[in-house]
Amino acid sequence: MLEGEAPGLSRLDLENSKDPSYCMDDVIVLEIEVKGSVEPFQVLLEPYALIIPGENYIGINVKKNFKPSEVEDFELNFTGGVPGLTSQNLLCEIKDSPSPVVLHIEAAFKGPALVIDVSALQFGLLRLGQKATNFIQIRNLSPLPATWAMKESQASLQERREDQTEP
């Protein structure tokens, strides 16, 4: 609400008045109503997604630094638990924001890489009851520890119509 002085009433008259209950009868009052549209407060992360290139080893912490604004620096630490591609949405709570902001993260993880030096073991002709020994070399090409086990494949067992039960 705006108030204007009445015509003929000077500012000096108002300042010289010692009476605190002084009132004005001739006053112009103006009421203004303003209408418009507004957008809700929004916080956007830049980058809005983090896509980590290459393959990372499971169990090893991956760090990624990013700067979503001119003011803050962030460091994201994550560790893959299983081999494969992961896609996660990280909810970020922002001060004075009614809802969290989503940061999309994608990364690929791989496990140990084992290599066997031969594709098949050849024992040649053996007599019934004869024993034979052959060697294979298994190498781990990754920095991760690896465990392995050897057993006959289910396809081979089905071919011979045998069923192998685990002890």
C-alpha atoms as a PDB file:
ATOM      1  CA  MET A   1       0.000   0.000   0.000  1.00  0.00           C
ATOM      2  CA  LEU A   2       1.373   3.409  -0.951  1.00  0.00           C
ATOM      3  CA  GLU A   3       0.536   6.592   0.789  1.00  0.00           C
ATOM      4  CA  GLY A   4       0.914  10.069  -0.601  1.00  0.00           C
ATOM      5  CA  GLU A   5       0.685  13.430   1.108  1.00  0.00           C
ATOM      6  CA  ALA A   6      -2.484  15.433   0.876  1.00  0.00           C
ATOM      7  CA  PRO A   7      -2.399  18.524  -1.323  1.00  0.00           C
ATOM      8  CA  GLY A   8      -1.629  21.706   0.551  1.00  0.00           C
ATOM      9  CA  LEU A   9      -0.012  19.917   3.530  1.00  0.00           C
ATOM     10  CA  SER A  10       3.721  20.563   3.617  1.00  0.00           C
ATOM     11  CA  ARG A  11       6.383  18.251   5.030  1.00  0.00           C
ATOM     12  CA  LEU A  12       7.491  21.047   7.383  1.00  0.00           C
ATOM     13  CA  ASP A  13       4.063  21.100   8.986  1.00  0.00           C
ATOM     14  CA  LEU A  14       4.372  17.374   9.716  1.00  0.00           C
ATOM     15  CA  GLU A  15       7.919  17.679  11.102  1.00  0.00           C
ATOM     16  CA  ASN A  16       7.061  20.640  13.345  1.00  0.00           C
ATOM     17  CA  SER A  17       4.085  18.896  14.857  1.00  0.00           C
ATOM     18  CA  LYS A  18       4.854  17.814  18.444  1.00  0.00           C
ATOM     19  CA  ASP A  19       1.609  15.882  18.819  1.00  0.00           C
ATOM     20  CA  PRO A  20       2.238  12.124  18.249  1.00  0.00           C
ATOM     21  CA  SER A  21      -1.465  11.577  17.604  1.00  0.00           C
ATOM     22  CA  TYR A  22      -1.440  13.978  14.685  1.00  0.00           C
ATOM     23  CA  CYS A  23      -3.651  12.649  11.927  1.00  0.00           C
ATOM     24  CA  MET A  24      -4.186  13.575   8.351  1.00  0.00           C
ATOM     25  CA  ASP A  25      -7.606  13.653   6.822  1.00  0.00           C
ATOM     26  CA  ASP A  26      -6.658  14.268   3.219  1.00  0.00           C
ATOM     27  CA  VAL A  27      -4.569  11.249   2.233  1.00  0.00           C
ATOM     28  CA  ILE A  28      -4.256   9.506  -1.108  1.00  0.00           C
ATOM     29  CA  VAL A  29      -3.975   5.724  -0.771  1.00  0.00           C
ATOM     30  CA  LEU A  30      -3.081   3.431  -3.649  1.00  0.00           C
ATOM     31  CA  GLU A  31      -3.252  -0.371  -3.557  1.00  0.00           C
ATOM     32  CA  ILE A  32      -1.314  -2.317  -6.189  1.00  0.00           C
ATOM     33  CA  GLU A  33      -1.778  -5.994  -7.005  1.00  0.00           C
ATOM     34  CA  VAL A  34       0.925  -7.756  -8.991  1.00  0.00           C
ATOM     35  CA  LYS A  35       0.383 -11.067 -10.780  1.00  0.00           C
ATOM     36  CA  GLY A  36       2.907 -13.217 -12.573  1.00  0.00           C
ATOM     37  CA  SER A  37       4.337 -16.662 -12.942  1.00  0.00           C
ATOM     38  CA  VAL A  38       7.353 -18.041 -11.127  1.00  0.00           C
ATOM     39  CA  GLU A  39       9.511 -21.125 -11.380  1.00  0.00           C
ATOM     40  CA  PRO A  40      10.358 -23.207  -8.330  1.00  0.00           C
ATOM     41  CA  PHE A  41      13.912 -23.077  -7.029  1.00  0.00           C
ATOM     42  CA  GLN A  42      16.007 -25.703  -8.825  1.00  0.00           C
ATOM     43  CA  VAL A  43      19.553 -26.911  -8.309  1.00  0.00           C
ATOM     44  CA  LEU A  44      21.209 -28.643 -11.238  1.00  0.00           C
ATOM     45  CA  LEU A  45      24.424 -30.616 -11.023  1.00  0.00           C
ATOM     46  CA  GLU A  46      26.987 -30.179 -13.724  1.00  0.00           C
ATOM     47  CA  PRO A  47      27.917 -32.703 -14.853  1.00  0.00           C
ATOM     48  CA  TYR A  48      24.503 -34.292 -14.334  1.00  0.00           C
ATOM     49  CA  ALA A  49      26.012 -37.761 -14.873  1.00  0.00           C
ATOM     50  CA  LEU A  50      29.377 -39.385 -14.215  1.00  0.00           C
ATOM     51  CA  ILE A  51      30.363 -42.085 -16.671  1.00  0.00           C
ATOM     52  CA  ILE A  52      33.648 -43.671 -15.660  1.00  0.00           C
ATOM     53  CA  PRO A  53      35.510 -44.820 -18.787  1.00  0.00           C
ATOM     54  CA  GLY A  54      37.271 -48.171 -19.099  1.00  0.00           C
ATOM     55  CA  GLU A  55      37.002 -51.157 -16.819  1.00  0.00           C
ATOM     56  CA  ASN A  56      37.837 -50.971 -13.146  1.00  0.00           C
ATOM     57  CA  TYR A  57      38.747 -53.950 -10.979  1.00  0.00           C
ATOM     58  CA  ILE A  58      36.229 -55.155  -8.402  1.00  0.00           C
ATOM     59  CA  GLY A  59      37.225 -54.581  -4.798  1.00  0.00           C
ATOM     60  CA  ILE A  60      39.506 -51.632  -5.672  1.00  0.00           C
ATOM     61  CA  ASN A  61      38.364 -48.142  -4.679  1.00  0.00           C
ATOM     62  CA  VAL A  62      37.808 -45.785  -7.646  1.00  0.00           C
ATOM     63  CA  LYS A  63      38.029 -42.028  -7.022  1.00  0.00           C
ATOM     64  CA  LYS A  64      36.501 -39.412  -9.294  1.00  0.00           C
ATOM     65  CA  ASN A  65      36.812 -35.673  -8.681  1.00  0.00           C
ATOM     66  CA  PHE A  66      34.244 -33.290 -10.124  1.00  0.00           C
ATOM     67  CA  LYS A  67      33.156 -29.700  -9.627  1.00  0.00           C
ATOM     68  CA  PRO A  68      29.371 -29.278  -9.816  1.00  0.00           C
ATOM     69  CA  SER A  69      29.558 -25.535  -9.185  1.00  0.00           C
ATOM     70  CA  GLU A  70      32.045 -22.685  -9.036  1.00  0.00           C
ATOM     71  CA  VAL A  71      32.100 -22.987  -5.249  1.00  0.00           C
ATOM     72  CA  GLU A  72      32.447 -26.666  -4.337  1.00  0.00           C
ATOM     73  CA  ASP A  73      34.726 -29.564  -5.288  1.00  0.00           C
ATOM     74  CA  PHE A  74      33.612 -33.141  -4.653  1.00  0.00           C
ATOM     75  CA  GLU A  75      35.378 -36.473  -4.614  1.00  0.00           C
ATOM     76  CA  LEU A  76      33.291 -39.556  -5.323  1.00  0.00           C
ATOM     77  CA  ASN A  77      34.658 -42.885  -4.028  1.00  0.00           C
ATOM     78  CA  PHE A  78      33.054 -46.164  -5.035  1.00  0.00           C
ATOM     79  CA  THR A  79      33.974 -49.814  -5.190  1.00  0.00           C
ATOM     80  CA  GLY A  80      32.524 -52.466  -7.487  1.00  0.00           C
ATOM     81  CA  GLY A  81      31.461 -55.726  -5.882  1.00  0.00           C
ATOM     82  CA  VAL A  82      30.686 -57.897  -8.907  1.00  0.00           C
ATOM     83  CA  PRO A  83      31.955 -57.898 -12.501  1.00  0.00           C
ATOM     84  CA  GLY A  84      29.813 -56.115 -15.079  1.00  0.00           C
ATOM     85  CA  LEU A  85      28.263 -52.750 -15.816  1.00  0.00           C
ATOM     86  CA  THR A  86      26.685 -50.839 -12.940  1.00  0.00           C
ATOM     87  CA  SER A  87      24.317 -47.924 -13.170  1.00  0.00           C
ATOM     88  CA  GLN A  88      23.348 -46.053  -9.995  1.00  0.00           C
ATOM     89  CA  ASN A  89      21.432 -42.905  -9.119  1.00  0.00           C
ATOM     90  CA  LEU A  90      22.972 -41.073  -6.176  1.00  0.00           C
ATOM     91  CA  LEU A  91      20.561 -38.784  -4.304  1.00  0.00           C
ATOM     92  CA  CYS A  92      22.305 -35.574  -3.233  1.00  0.00           C
ATOM     93  CA  GLU A  93      20.724 -33.515  -0.455  1.00  0.00           C
ATOM     94  CA  ILE A  94      21.165 -29.787  -1.140  1.00  0.00           C
ATOM     95  CA  LYS A  95      20.772 -27.150   1.569  1.00  0.00           C
ATOM     96  CA  ASP A  96      17.546 -25.107   1.176  1.00  0.00           C
ATOM     97  CA  SER A  97      16.318 -27.406  -1.609  1.00  0.00           C
ATOM     98  CA  PRO A  98      12.981 -29.165  -1.031  1.00  0.00           C
ATOM     99  CA  SER A  99      13.986 -32.313  -2.877  1.00  0.00           C
ATOM    100  CA  PRO A 100      17.265 -34.148  -3.527  1.00  0.00           C
ATOM    101  CA  VAL A 101      19.170 -33.801  -6.800  1.00  0.00           C
ATOM    102  CA  VAL A 102      20.040 -37.001  -8.676  1.00  0.00           C
ATOM    103  CA  LEU A 103      23.578 -37.716  -9.870  1.00  0.00           C
ATOM    104  CA  HIS A 104      23.654 -40.616 -12.351  1.00  0.00           C
ATOM    105  CA  ILE A 105      26.788 -42.814 -12.186  1.00  0.00           C
ATOM    106  CA  GLU A 106      27.853 -45.547 -14.635  1.00  0.00           C
ATOM    107  CA  ALA A 107      30.959 -47.719 -14.461  1.00  0.00           C
ATOM    108  CA  ALA A 108      32.172 -51.116 -15.648  1.00  0.00           C
ATOM    109  CA  PHE A 109      33.983 -53.524 -13.349  1.00  0.00           C
ATOM    110  CA  LYS A 110      35.950 -56.671 -14.072  1.00  0.00           C
ATOM    111  CA  GLY A 111      37.244 -59.470 -11.921  1.00  0.00           C
ATOM    112  CA  PRO A 112      40.456 -61.488 -12.077  1.00  0.00           C
ATOM    113  CA  ALA A 113      41.659 -62.530 -15.546  1.00  0.00           C
ATOM    114  CA  LEU A 114      42.890 -66.147 -15.602  1.00  0.00           C
ATOM    115  CA  VAL A 115      44.618 -67.687 -18.602  1.00  0.00           C
ATOM    116  CA  ILE A 116      45.321 -71.415 -19.136  1.00  0.00           C
ATOM    117  CA  ASP A 117      48.339 -72.120 -21.340  1.00  0.00           C
ATOM    118  CA  VAL A 118      46.737 -75.069 -23.223  1.00  0.00           C
ATOM    119  CA  SER A 119      43.223 -75.508 -24.567  1.00  0.00           C
ATOM    120  CA  ALA A 120      43.140 -79.305 -24.107  1.00  0.00           C
ATOM    121  CA  LEU A 121      45.117 -81.974 -22.277  1.00  0.00           C
ATOM    122  CA  GLN A 122      46.276 -84.874 -24.466  1.00  0.00           C
ATOM    123  CA  PHE A 123      47.190 -88.136 -22.677  1.00  0.00           C
ATOM    124  CA  GLY A 124      47.412 -90.328 -25.768  1.00  0.00           C
ATOM    125  CA  LEU A 125      46.397 -94.018 -25.594  1.00  0.00           C
ATOM    126  CA  LEU A 126      46.277 -95.441 -22.101  1.00  0.00           C
ATOM    127  CA  ARG A 127      45.711 -98.993 -20.947  1.00  0.00           C
ATOM    128  CA  LEU A 128      42.980 -99.707 -18.465  1.00  0.00           C
ATOM    129  CA  GLY A 129      44.278 -98.935 -14.975  1.00  0.00           C
ATOM    130  CA  GLN A 130      47.355 -97.103 -16.259  1.00  0.00           C
ATOM    131  CA  LYS A 131      48.038 -93.737 -14.588  1.00  0.00           C
ATOM    132  CA  ALA A 132      49.224 -90.652 -16.432  1.00  0.00           C
ATOM    133  CA  THR A 133      50.175 -87.158 -15.313  1.00  0.00           C
ATOM    134  CA  ASN A 134      50.124 -83.931 -17.276  1.00  0.00           C
ATOM    135  CA  PHE A 135      50.591 -80.303 -16.272  1.00  0.00           C
ATOM    136  CA  ILE A 136      48.826 -77.055 -17.067  1.00  0.00           C
ATOM    137  CA  GLN A 137      49.779 -73.544 -16.091  1.00  0.00           C
ATOM    138  CA  ILE A 138      47.145 -71.074 -14.908  1.00  0.00           C
ATOM    139  CA  ARG A 139      48.218 -67.429 -14.833  1.00  0.00           C
ATOM    140  CA  ASN A 140      46.440 -64.500 -13.214  1.00  0.00           C
ATOM    141  CA  LEU A 141      46.885 -61.434 -15.453  1.00  0.00           C
ATOM    142  CA  SER A 142      45.154 -59.038 -13.053  1.00  0.00           C
ATOM    143  CA  PRO A 143      46.284 -57.490  -9.764  1.00  0.00           C
ATOM    144  CA  LEU A 144      43.354 -59.170  -7.992  1.00  0.00           C
ATOM    145  CA  PRO A 145      43.684 -62.425  -6.066  1.00  0.00           C
ATOM    146  CA  ALA A 146      41.893 -65.295  -7.794  1.00  0.00           C
ATOM    147  CA  THR A 147      40.536 -68.633  -6.615  1.00  0.00           C
ATOM    148  CA  TRP A 148      39.687 -71.434  -8.982  1.00  0.00           C
ATOM    149  CA  ALA A 149      38.475 -75.010  -9.044  1.00  0.00           C
ATOM    150  CA  MET A 150      38.560 -77.727 -11.665  1.00  0.00           C
ATOM    151  CA  LYS A 151      35.748 -80.162 -12.430  1.00  0.00           C
ATOM    152  CA  GLU A 152      34.290 -81.925 -15.405  1.00  0.00           C
ATOM    153  CA  SER A 153      31.714 -79.934 -17.349  1.00  0.00           C
ATOM    154  CA  GLN A 154      28.027 -80.809 -17.171  1.00  0.00           C
ATOM    155  CA  ALA A 155      27.959 -81.203 -20.971  1.00  0.00           C
ATOM    156  CA  SER A 156      30.644 -83.898 -20.787  1.00  0.00           C
ATOM    157  CA  LEU A 157      28.802 -85.710 -17.991  1.00  0.00           C
ATOM    158  CA  GLN A 158      25.512 -85.628 -19.892  1.00  0.00           C
ATOM    159  CA  GLU A 159      27.255 -86.926 -22.994  1.00  0.00           C
ATOM    160  CA  ARG A 160      28.354 -89.999 -21.020  1.00  0.00           C
ATOM    161  CA  ARG A 161      25.013 -90.105 -19.162  1.00  0.00           C
ATOM    162  CA  GLU A 162      26.680 -89.724 -15.785  1.00  0.00           C
ATOM    163  CA  ASP A 163      25.562 -87.494 -12.975  1.00  0.00           C
ATOM    164  CA  GLN A 164      28.204 -85.929 -10.813  1.00  0.00           C
ATOM    165  CA  THR A 165      27.067 -84.952  -7.334  1.00  0.00           C
ATOM    166  CA  GLU A 166      28.992 -82.474  -5.257  1.00  0.00           C
ATOM    167  CA  PRO A 167      30.500 -83.917  -2.012  1.00  0.00           C
END
